[in-house]
N, C-alpha and C. Protein backbone atom coordinates (compact mmCIF):
# COMPACT_ATOMS: atom_id res chain seq x y z
N UNK A 1 2.18 -17.32 -95.01
CA UNK A 1 1.02 -15.98 -94.65
C UNK A 1 0.16 -16.85 -93.68
N UNK A 2 -0.15 -15.68 -92.16
CA UNK A 2 -1.30 -16.27 -91.02
C UNK A 2 -2.34 -15.44 -92.02
N UNK A 3 -3.74 -16.50 -91.94
CA UNK A 3 -4.85 -15.34 -91.82
C UNK A 3 -5.39 -14.11 -91.20
N UNK A 4 -4.81 -12.77 -91.38
CA UNK A 4 -5.06 -12.51 -90.58
C UNK A 4 -5.36 -10.79 -91.13
N UNK A 5 -6.44 -11.29 -91.43
CA UNK A 5 -6.31 -10.09 -92.88
C UNK A 5 -6.68 -8.31 -92.29
N UNK A 6 -6.71 -8.12 -92.74
CA UNK A 6 -6.69 -6.19 -93.36
C UNK A 6 -7.48 -5.46 -93.89
N UNK A 7 -8.20 -4.86 -93.57
CA UNK A 7 -9.15 -3.51 -94.12
C UNK A 7 -8.67 -3.80 -96.21
N UNK A 8 -7.35 -4.40 -96.13
CA UNK A 8 -6.92 -4.33 -98.01
C UNK A 8 -7.30 -5.89 -98.66
N UNK A 9 -7.76 -6.75 -97.33
CA UNK A 9 -8.11 -7.63 -98.19
C UNK A 9 -8.87 -8.29 -96.77
N UNK A 10 -9.22 -9.55 -97.92
CA UNK A 10 -10.47 -10.93 -97.13
C UNK A 10 -10.28 -11.91 -97.35
N UNK A 11 -10.03 -13.13 -96.67
CA UNK A 11 -9.78 -14.84 -97.12
C UNK A 11 -11.15 -15.43 -97.20
N UNK A 12 -11.17 -16.26 -98.42
CA UNK A 12 -11.84 -17.11 -98.83
C UNK A 12 -11.75 -18.42 -97.71
N UNK A 13 -12.21 -19.17 -96.97
CA UNK A 13 -11.63 -20.92 -97.32
C UNK A 13 -12.77 -21.99 -97.71
N UNK A 14 -12.23 -22.18 -98.09
CA UNK A 14 -13.05 -22.84 -99.55
C UNK A 14 -12.98 -24.53 -99.41
N UNK A 15 -12.87 -25.75 -99.56
CA UNK A 15 -13.11 -27.26 -99.21
C UNK A 15 -12.49 -28.12 -101.01
N UNK A 16 -10.99 -27.57 -99.97
CA UNK A 16 -9.76 -27.96 -101.21
C UNK A 16 -10.19 -29.00 -102.57
N UNK A 17 -11.21 -30.24 -101.54
CA UNK A 17 -11.42 -31.25 -103.12
C UNK A 17 -12.06 -30.78 -103.36
N UNK A 18 -13.55 -30.02 -103.34
CA UNK A 18 -14.86 -29.93 -104.28
C UNK A 18 -14.63 -28.74 -105.97
N UNK A 19 -14.58 -30.07 -106.79
CA UNK A 19 -14.60 -29.16 -108.26
C UNK A 19 -15.66 -28.52 -108.23
N UNK A 20 -16.32 -28.34 -107.70
CA UNK A 20 -17.47 -26.97 -107.29
C UNK A 20 -16.57 -26.10 -106.74
N UNK A 21 -16.69 -26.18 -105.91
CA UNK A 21 -15.44 -25.11 -105.00
C UNK A 21 -14.64 -24.20 -105.17
N UNK A 22 -13.32 -25.40 -105.83
CA UNK A 22 -12.30 -24.88 -106.62
C UNK A 22 -12.63 -24.08 -108.41
N UNK A 23 -13.86 -24.12 -108.81
CA UNK A 23 -14.27 -23.35 -110.30
C UNK A 23 -14.87 -22.81 -109.81
N UNK A 24 -15.18 -21.67 -107.93
CA UNK A 24 -15.57 -20.89 -107.96
C UNK A 24 -14.50 -20.39 -107.28
N UNK A 25 -13.50 -20.00 -106.77
CA UNK A 25 -12.18 -19.85 -106.51
C UNK A 25 -11.97 -18.74 -108.06
N UNK A 26 -11.40 -20.34 -108.77
CA UNK A 26 -11.09 -19.51 -110.08
C UNK A 26 -11.74 -18.41 -110.93
N UNK A 27 -13.22 -18.54 -110.87
CA UNK A 27 -14.22 -17.58 -111.14
C UNK A 27 -13.91 -16.83 -110.54
N UNK A 28 -13.86 -16.49 -108.68
CA UNK A 28 -14.18 -15.60 -107.72
C UNK A 28 -12.34 -14.35 -108.34
N UNK A 29 -11.34 -15.09 -108.24
CA UNK A 29 -10.01 -14.70 -109.48
C UNK A 29 -10.33 -13.95 -110.41
N UNK A 30 -10.70 -14.13 -111.65
CA UNK A 30 -10.81 -13.29 -112.61
C UNK A 30 -11.39 -13.12 -112.83
N UNK A 31 -12.81 -12.47 -111.21
CA UNK A 31 -13.12 -11.12 -111.17
C UNK A 31 -12.96 -10.56 -110.53
N UNK A 32 -11.61 -10.38 -109.89
CA UNK A 32 -11.41 -9.49 -108.55
C UNK A 32 -10.06 -8.93 -108.95
N UNK A 33 -10.17 -7.99 -109.38
CA UNK A 33 -9.02 -6.85 -110.13
C UNK A 33 -7.76 -6.74 -109.41
N UNK A 34 -9.29 -5.63 -108.55
CA UNK A 34 -8.36 -5.60 -107.33
C UNK A 34 -7.96 -6.61 -106.09
N UNK A 35 -7.52 -7.68 -106.25
CA UNK A 35 -6.78 -8.57 -105.74
C UNK A 35 -7.56 -8.61 -104.09
N UNK A 36 -8.89 -8.09 -104.05
CA UNK A 36 -9.04 -8.23 -102.06
C UNK A 36 -9.25 -9.23 -101.55
N UNK A 37 -9.33 -11.04 -102.49
CA UNK A 37 -9.60 -12.01 -101.87
C UNK A 37 -7.99 -12.89 -101.94
N UNK A 38 -8.03 -13.24 -100.68
CA UNK A 38 -6.81 -14.09 -100.27
C UNK A 38 -7.35 -15.61 -100.58
N UNK A 39 -7.01 -16.87 -99.80
CA UNK A 39 -7.64 -18.14 -100.66
C UNK A 39 -7.39 -18.90 -99.57
N UNK A 40 -7.64 -20.00 -99.44
CA UNK A 40 -6.91 -20.92 -98.76
C UNK A 40 -7.84 -21.69 -98.46
N UNK A 41 -7.67 -23.62 -98.71
CA UNK A 41 -8.78 -24.50 -98.56
C UNK A 41 -8.99 -24.95 -97.12
N UNK A 42 -9.67 -25.49 -96.40
CA UNK A 42 -10.42 -25.77 -95.00
C UNK A 42 -9.67 -27.07 -94.89
N UNK A 43 -8.93 -27.58 -95.58
CA UNK A 43 -8.06 -28.43 -95.61
C UNK A 43 -7.44 -28.19 -95.16
N UNK A 44 -6.27 -27.41 -94.96
CA UNK A 44 -4.75 -26.57 -95.20
C UNK A 44 -4.67 -26.96 -93.58
N UNK A 45 -3.30 -26.66 -93.42
CA UNK A 45 -2.72 -26.26 -92.70
C UNK A 45 -2.96 -24.98 -91.71
N UNK A 46 -3.28 -23.84 -92.66
CA UNK A 46 -3.99 -22.45 -92.86
C UNK A 46 -5.74 -22.49 -91.84
N UNK A 47 -5.94 -23.74 -92.87
CA UNK A 47 -7.40 -23.92 -92.59
C UNK A 47 -8.03 -24.16 -91.57
N UNK A 48 -7.29 -25.43 -91.22
CA UNK A 48 -7.09 -26.36 -89.68
C UNK A 48 -7.40 -24.94 -88.58
N UNK A 49 -5.91 -25.06 -88.48
CA UNK A 49 -5.83 -23.77 -87.94
C UNK A 49 -6.84 -22.27 -88.05
N UNK A 50 -7.12 -21.82 -88.89
CA UNK A 50 -8.43 -20.73 -88.23
C UNK A 50 -10.18 -21.27 -88.20
N UNK A 51 -9.94 -22.56 -87.90
CA UNK A 51 -11.35 -23.01 -88.11
C UNK A 51 -10.94 -23.09 -86.52
N UNK A 52 -9.98 -24.16 -86.01
CA UNK A 52 -9.91 -24.21 -85.05
C UNK A 52 -9.82 -23.45 -83.62
N UNK A 53 -9.42 -22.13 -83.73
CA UNK A 53 -9.14 -20.68 -83.49
C UNK A 53 -10.71 -20.20 -83.49
N UNK A 54 -11.65 -20.12 -83.94
CA UNK A 54 -13.45 -19.35 -84.14
C UNK A 54 -13.91 -20.46 -83.25
N UNK A 55 -13.75 -21.86 -83.51
CA UNK A 55 -14.53 -23.07 -83.46
C UNK A 55 -15.32 -23.37 -84.27
N UNK A 56 -15.02 -23.23 -85.28
CA UNK A 56 -15.84 -23.92 -86.69
C UNK A 56 -15.46 -25.37 -86.38
N UNK A 57 -15.82 -25.85 -87.15
CA UNK A 57 -15.48 -27.05 -87.48
C UNK A 57 -14.80 -27.32 -88.84
N UNK A 58 -14.17 -28.83 -88.10
CA UNK A 58 -13.09 -29.22 -88.65
C UNK A 58 -13.27 -29.89 -89.86
N UNK A 59 -14.12 -31.24 -89.60
CA UNK A 59 -14.47 -31.58 -90.74
C UNK A 59 -15.62 -31.57 -91.76
N UNK A 60 -15.92 -32.47 -92.68
CA UNK A 60 -17.65 -32.14 -93.53
C UNK A 60 -17.47 -29.92 -94.01
N UNK A 61 -16.17 -30.43 -94.85
CA UNK A 61 -16.77 -28.57 -95.28
C UNK A 61 -17.48 -28.78 -96.66
N UNK A 62 -18.44 -28.26 -95.84
CA UNK A 62 -20.00 -27.95 -96.35
C UNK A 62 -20.06 -26.34 -96.55
N UNK A 63 -18.89 -25.64 -95.93
CA UNK A 63 -19.37 -23.88 -96.46
C UNK A 63 -18.51 -23.76 -96.36
N UNK A 64 -18.17 -22.53 -97.37
CA UNK A 64 -17.52 -22.17 -98.03
C UNK A 64 -17.27 -20.83 -96.55
N UNK A 65 -16.03 -20.55 -96.06
CA UNK A 65 -16.70 -19.28 -95.24
C UNK A 65 -15.92 -17.78 -95.84
N UNK A 66 -15.84 -17.30 -95.37
CA UNK A 66 -15.40 -15.21 -95.69
C UNK A 66 -14.86 -14.88 -94.25
N UNK A 67 -13.88 -14.62 -94.04
CA UNK A 67 -13.55 -14.01 -93.12
C UNK A 67 -12.87 -12.22 -93.24
N UNK A 68 -13.80 -11.46 -93.78
CA UNK A 68 -13.43 -9.94 -93.88
C UNK A 68 -13.98 -8.93 -92.35
N UNK A 69 -13.09 -8.79 -92.08
CA UNK A 69 -12.53 -7.00 -91.42
C UNK A 69 -12.99 -7.71 -89.90
N UNK A 70 -12.51 -8.80 -89.42
CA UNK A 70 -12.49 -9.48 -87.88
C UNK A 70 -13.44 -10.15 -88.12
N UNK A 71 -14.71 -10.66 -89.23
CA UNK A 71 -16.37 -10.60 -89.07
C UNK A 71 -16.12 -12.40 -89.80
N UNK A 72 -16.52 -13.19 -89.60
CA UNK A 72 -16.90 -14.87 -89.97
C UNK A 72 -18.37 -14.38 -90.62
N UNK A 73 -18.53 -14.96 -92.14
CA UNK A 73 -19.78 -15.13 -92.76
C UNK A 73 -19.45 -16.25 -93.41
N UNK A 74 -20.77 -17.29 -92.76
CA UNK A 74 -20.41 -18.61 -93.80
C UNK A 74 -21.98 -18.98 -95.34
N UNK A 75 -21.64 -20.00 -95.96
CA UNK A 75 -22.76 -20.26 -96.84
C UNK A 75 -23.49 -19.85 -98.15
N UNK A 76 -24.93 -18.16 -98.13
CA UNK A 76 -25.01 -18.10 -99.15
C UNK A 76 -24.39 -15.91 -98.27
N UNK A 77 -24.43 -16.28 -96.87
CA UNK A 77 -24.39 -14.57 -96.74
C UNK A 77 -22.59 -14.42 -96.99
N UNK A 78 -21.92 -15.91 -97.55
CA UNK A 78 -20.66 -15.25 -97.80
C UNK A 78 -20.52 -15.15 -98.90
N UNK A 79 -21.68 -15.92 -99.44
CA UNK A 79 -21.61 -15.90 -101.17
C UNK A 79 -21.37 -14.33 -101.45
N UNK A 80 -22.51 -13.96 -101.36
CA UNK A 80 -23.36 -12.93 -101.16
C UNK A 80 -22.29 -11.65 -101.04
N UNK A 81 -21.57 -11.86 -99.94
CA UNK A 81 -20.64 -10.67 -99.52
C UNK A 81 -18.81 -10.79 -100.30
N UNK A 82 -18.93 -11.78 -101.10
CA UNK A 82 -18.23 -12.07 -101.81
C UNK A 82 -18.70 -11.68 -103.70
N UNK A 83 -19.62 -12.16 -103.47
CA UNK A 83 -20.06 -11.05 -105.42
C UNK A 83 -19.88 -10.15 -105.12
N UNK A 84 -20.45 -9.34 -104.46
CA UNK A 84 -20.12 -7.57 -104.17
C UNK A 84 -19.36 -7.36 -104.19
N UNK A 85 -17.73 -7.89 -104.35
CA UNK A 85 -16.55 -7.41 -103.98
C UNK A 85 -15.99 -7.83 -105.62
N UNK A 86 -16.98 -8.11 -106.25
CA UNK A 86 -16.67 -8.91 -107.87
C UNK A 86 -16.36 -7.10 -108.98
N UNK A 87 -15.84 -7.57 -110.23
CA UNK A 87 -16.01 -7.11 -111.06
C UNK A 87 -17.72 -7.05 -111.45
N UNK A 88 -17.41 -6.51 -112.00
CA UNK A 88 -18.93 -6.60 -113.73
C UNK A 88 -20.27 -6.46 -112.82
N UNK A 89 -21.22 -6.75 -112.89
CA UNK A 89 -22.28 -6.47 -112.10
C UNK A 89 -23.14 -7.72 -110.50
N UNK A 90 -21.24 -8.23 -110.57
CA UNK A 90 -22.29 -9.16 -110.25
C UNK A 90 -22.66 -9.25 -108.65
N UNK A 91 -22.58 -7.52 -108.56
CA UNK A 91 -22.87 -7.44 -107.11
C UNK A 91 -24.03 -6.79 -107.08
N UNK A 92 -25.16 -6.94 -108.28
CA UNK A 92 -26.13 -6.91 -107.78
C UNK A 92 -26.83 -8.42 -107.52
N UNK A 93 -26.01 -8.61 -107.42
CA UNK A 93 -26.89 -10.61 -106.49
C UNK A 93 -26.64 -10.66 -105.51
N UNK A 94 -25.68 -9.36 -104.34
CA UNK A 94 -26.62 -8.35 -103.21
C UNK A 94 -27.67 -8.26 -103.06
N UNK A 95 -28.81 -7.88 -103.65
CA UNK A 95 -29.96 -7.88 -103.16
C UNK A 95 -30.59 -8.61 -102.58
N UNK A 96 -30.02 -9.84 -102.95
CA UNK A 96 -30.05 -11.50 -102.39
C UNK A 96 -30.63 -11.20 -100.43
N UNK A 97 -29.47 -10.43 -99.96
CA UNK A 97 -29.49 -10.20 -99.11
C UNK A 97 -30.54 -10.25 -97.91
N UNK A 98 -31.40 -9.19 -98.98
CA UNK A 98 -33.09 -9.53 -97.78
C UNK A 98 -33.70 -10.15 -97.63
N UNK A 99 -33.54 -11.25 -98.39
CA UNK A 99 -34.03 -13.32 -98.48
C UNK A 99 -33.47 -13.73 -96.48
N UNK A 100 -34.16 -14.17 -96.09
CA UNK A 100 -34.49 -14.47 -94.58
C UNK A 100 -33.62 -15.07 -95.62
N UNK A 101 -31.94 -15.65 -94.01
CA UNK A 101 -30.74 -16.42 -93.96
C UNK A 101 -31.32 -17.93 -94.04
N UNK A 102 -32.44 -18.07 -93.11
CA UNK A 102 -32.54 -19.42 -93.35
C UNK A 102 -33.35 -19.76 -94.99
N UNK A 103 -34.03 -19.28 -95.34
CA UNK A 103 -34.12 -19.43 -96.92
C UNK A 103 -33.30 -19.58 -97.68
N UNK A 104 -32.37 -18.49 -97.75
CA UNK A 104 -31.21 -18.37 -98.29
C UNK A 104 -30.05 -19.62 -98.40
N UNK A 105 -29.82 -20.24 -96.76
CA UNK A 105 -29.02 -21.07 -96.40
C UNK A 105 -29.25 -22.88 -97.00
N UNK A 106 -31.09 -22.32 -96.72
CA UNK A 106 -32.31 -23.59 -97.66
C UNK A 106 -31.23 -24.47 -99.15
N UNK A 107 -31.73 -23.39 -99.83
CA UNK A 107 -31.16 -23.62 -101.21
C UNK A 107 -29.04 -23.37 -100.95
N UNK A 108 -28.22 -22.73 -100.82
CA UNK A 108 -27.09 -23.00 -100.39
C UNK A 108 -26.70 -25.06 -100.12
N UNK A 109 -26.81 -24.91 -99.16
CA UNK A 109 -27.12 -25.90 -98.30
C UNK A 109 -27.92 -27.21 -99.53
N UNK A 110 -28.91 -28.18 -100.78
CA UNK A 110 -29.62 -28.21 -100.96
C UNK A 110 -27.75 -28.37 -102.05
N UNK A 111 -27.15 -27.49 -102.47
CA UNK A 111 -26.05 -27.42 -103.48
C UNK A 111 -25.53 -28.20 -102.50
N UNK A 112 -24.39 -27.29 -101.99
CA UNK A 112 -23.76 -28.06 -100.97
C UNK A 112 -23.24 -29.63 -100.47
N UNK A 113 -25.04 -30.30 -100.28
CA UNK A 113 -25.29 -31.73 -100.13
C UNK A 113 -24.84 -32.63 -100.84
N UNK A 114 -25.41 -31.61 -102.84
CA UNK A 114 -25.17 -32.38 -103.28
C UNK A 114 -23.16 -32.16 -104.34
N UNK A 115 -23.50 -31.54 -103.58
CA UNK A 115 -21.21 -30.92 -105.37
C UNK A 115 -20.67 -32.15 -105.35
N UNK A 116 -20.83 -32.75 -104.84
CA UNK A 116 -19.56 -33.94 -105.29
C UNK A 116 -20.35 -34.46 -106.23
N UNK A 117 -20.95 -35.70 -105.99
CA UNK A 117 -22.66 -36.02 -106.80
C UNK A 117 -22.13 -35.06 -108.01
N UNK A 118 -22.71 -34.71 -108.31
CA UNK A 118 -22.92 -33.40 -109.54
C UNK A 118 -21.59 -32.99 -110.12
N UNK A 119 -20.57 -32.82 -109.56
CA UNK A 119 -19.72 -32.34 -109.74
C UNK A 119 -18.16 -32.59 -109.79
N UNK A 120 -18.21 -33.50 -108.79
CA UNK A 120 -17.33 -34.67 -108.43
C UNK A 120 -15.56 -34.06 -107.31
N UNK A 121 -15.33 -34.64 -107.27
CA UNK A 121 -14.17 -34.00 -106.12
C UNK A 121 -12.40 -33.93 -106.82
N UNK A 122 -11.82 -33.96 -106.31
CA UNK A 122 -10.75 -33.95 -106.42
C UNK A 122 -9.47 -35.80 -104.96
N UNK A 123 -8.85 -35.87 -105.64
CA UNK A 123 -7.91 -36.87 -104.21
C UNK A 123 -7.66 -35.03 -103.28
N UNK A 124 -6.91 -34.72 -104.07
CA UNK A 124 -5.87 -33.96 -102.48
C UNK A 124 -6.23 -32.22 -103.73
N UNK A 125 -6.35 -31.56 -102.38
CA UNK A 125 -6.42 -30.26 -102.74
C UNK A 125 -5.76 -29.17 -103.65
N UNK A 126 -6.76 -28.33 -103.97
CA UNK A 126 -5.69 -27.73 -105.11
C UNK A 126 -4.22 -27.08 -104.82
N UNK A 127 -3.33 -26.82 -105.93
CA UNK A 127 -2.13 -26.07 -105.82
C UNK A 127 -1.96 -24.91 -106.94
N UNK A 128 -1.94 -23.53 -105.88
CA UNK A 128 -1.87 -22.55 -107.50
C UNK A 128 -0.94 -22.82 -108.09
N UNK A 129 -0.80 -21.98 -109.47
CA UNK A 129 0.00 -22.08 -110.45
C UNK A 129 1.18 -20.97 -109.64
N UNK A 130 2.29 -20.72 -109.74
CA UNK A 130 3.05 -19.58 -109.25
C UNK A 130 2.70 -18.82 -110.04
N UNK A 131 2.09 -18.42 -110.18
CA UNK A 131 1.48 -16.65 -111.16
C UNK A 131 -0.11 -16.27 -109.58
N UNK A 132 -0.19 -17.57 -109.68
CA UNK A 132 -1.68 -17.04 -108.38
C UNK A 132 -1.59 -17.60 -106.75
N UNK A 133 0.64 -17.93 -106.28
CA UNK A 133 -0.07 -18.38 -105.36
C UNK A 133 0.96 -17.41 -103.83
N UNK A 134 0.95 -15.54 -104.39
CA UNK A 134 0.88 -14.58 -103.42
C UNK A 134 -0.59 -14.89 -102.87
N UNK A 135 -1.75 -15.01 -104.00
CA UNK A 135 -3.21 -14.93 -103.60
C UNK A 135 -3.55 -15.93 -102.20
N UNK A 136 -2.77 -17.66 -102.08
CA UNK A 136 -2.87 -18.69 -101.02
C UNK A 136 -2.11 -18.77 -100.03
N UNK A 137 -2.83 -18.51 -99.06
CA UNK A 137 -2.15 -18.59 -97.25
C UNK A 137 -1.45 -19.74 -97.58
N UNK A 138 -1.24 -21.20 -98.13
CA UNK A 138 0.00 -22.20 -98.16
C UNK A 138 -0.22 -22.87 -99.37
């Protein structure tokens, strides 16, 4: 599957070896009953191709990247836009979008810079279960 979202879905690119990031993807999948999101590890072939094509860093995966409606969102903006689409009351988190990006990203970066220390990392990128394989680009 090529990373070309339509109005039917958006793509979340995440650090495939980060335990926090993998748990976040599981959290999103469990709360995305409309299956709006597709997923790809930033380290994967599809992830690397996407990053190169859009002039983004191909190493140091310190940000979640959301590709939605032809636009790229990173860090706190991506997280809030994702929350907006989840089942339940997570949409209320989107009110934090009014906080200046510089302030939101300060807190995002603090967590991102400590994620391996606090949550650990895997030796390799996640492999989706057969039931979830259709949600992943590779």
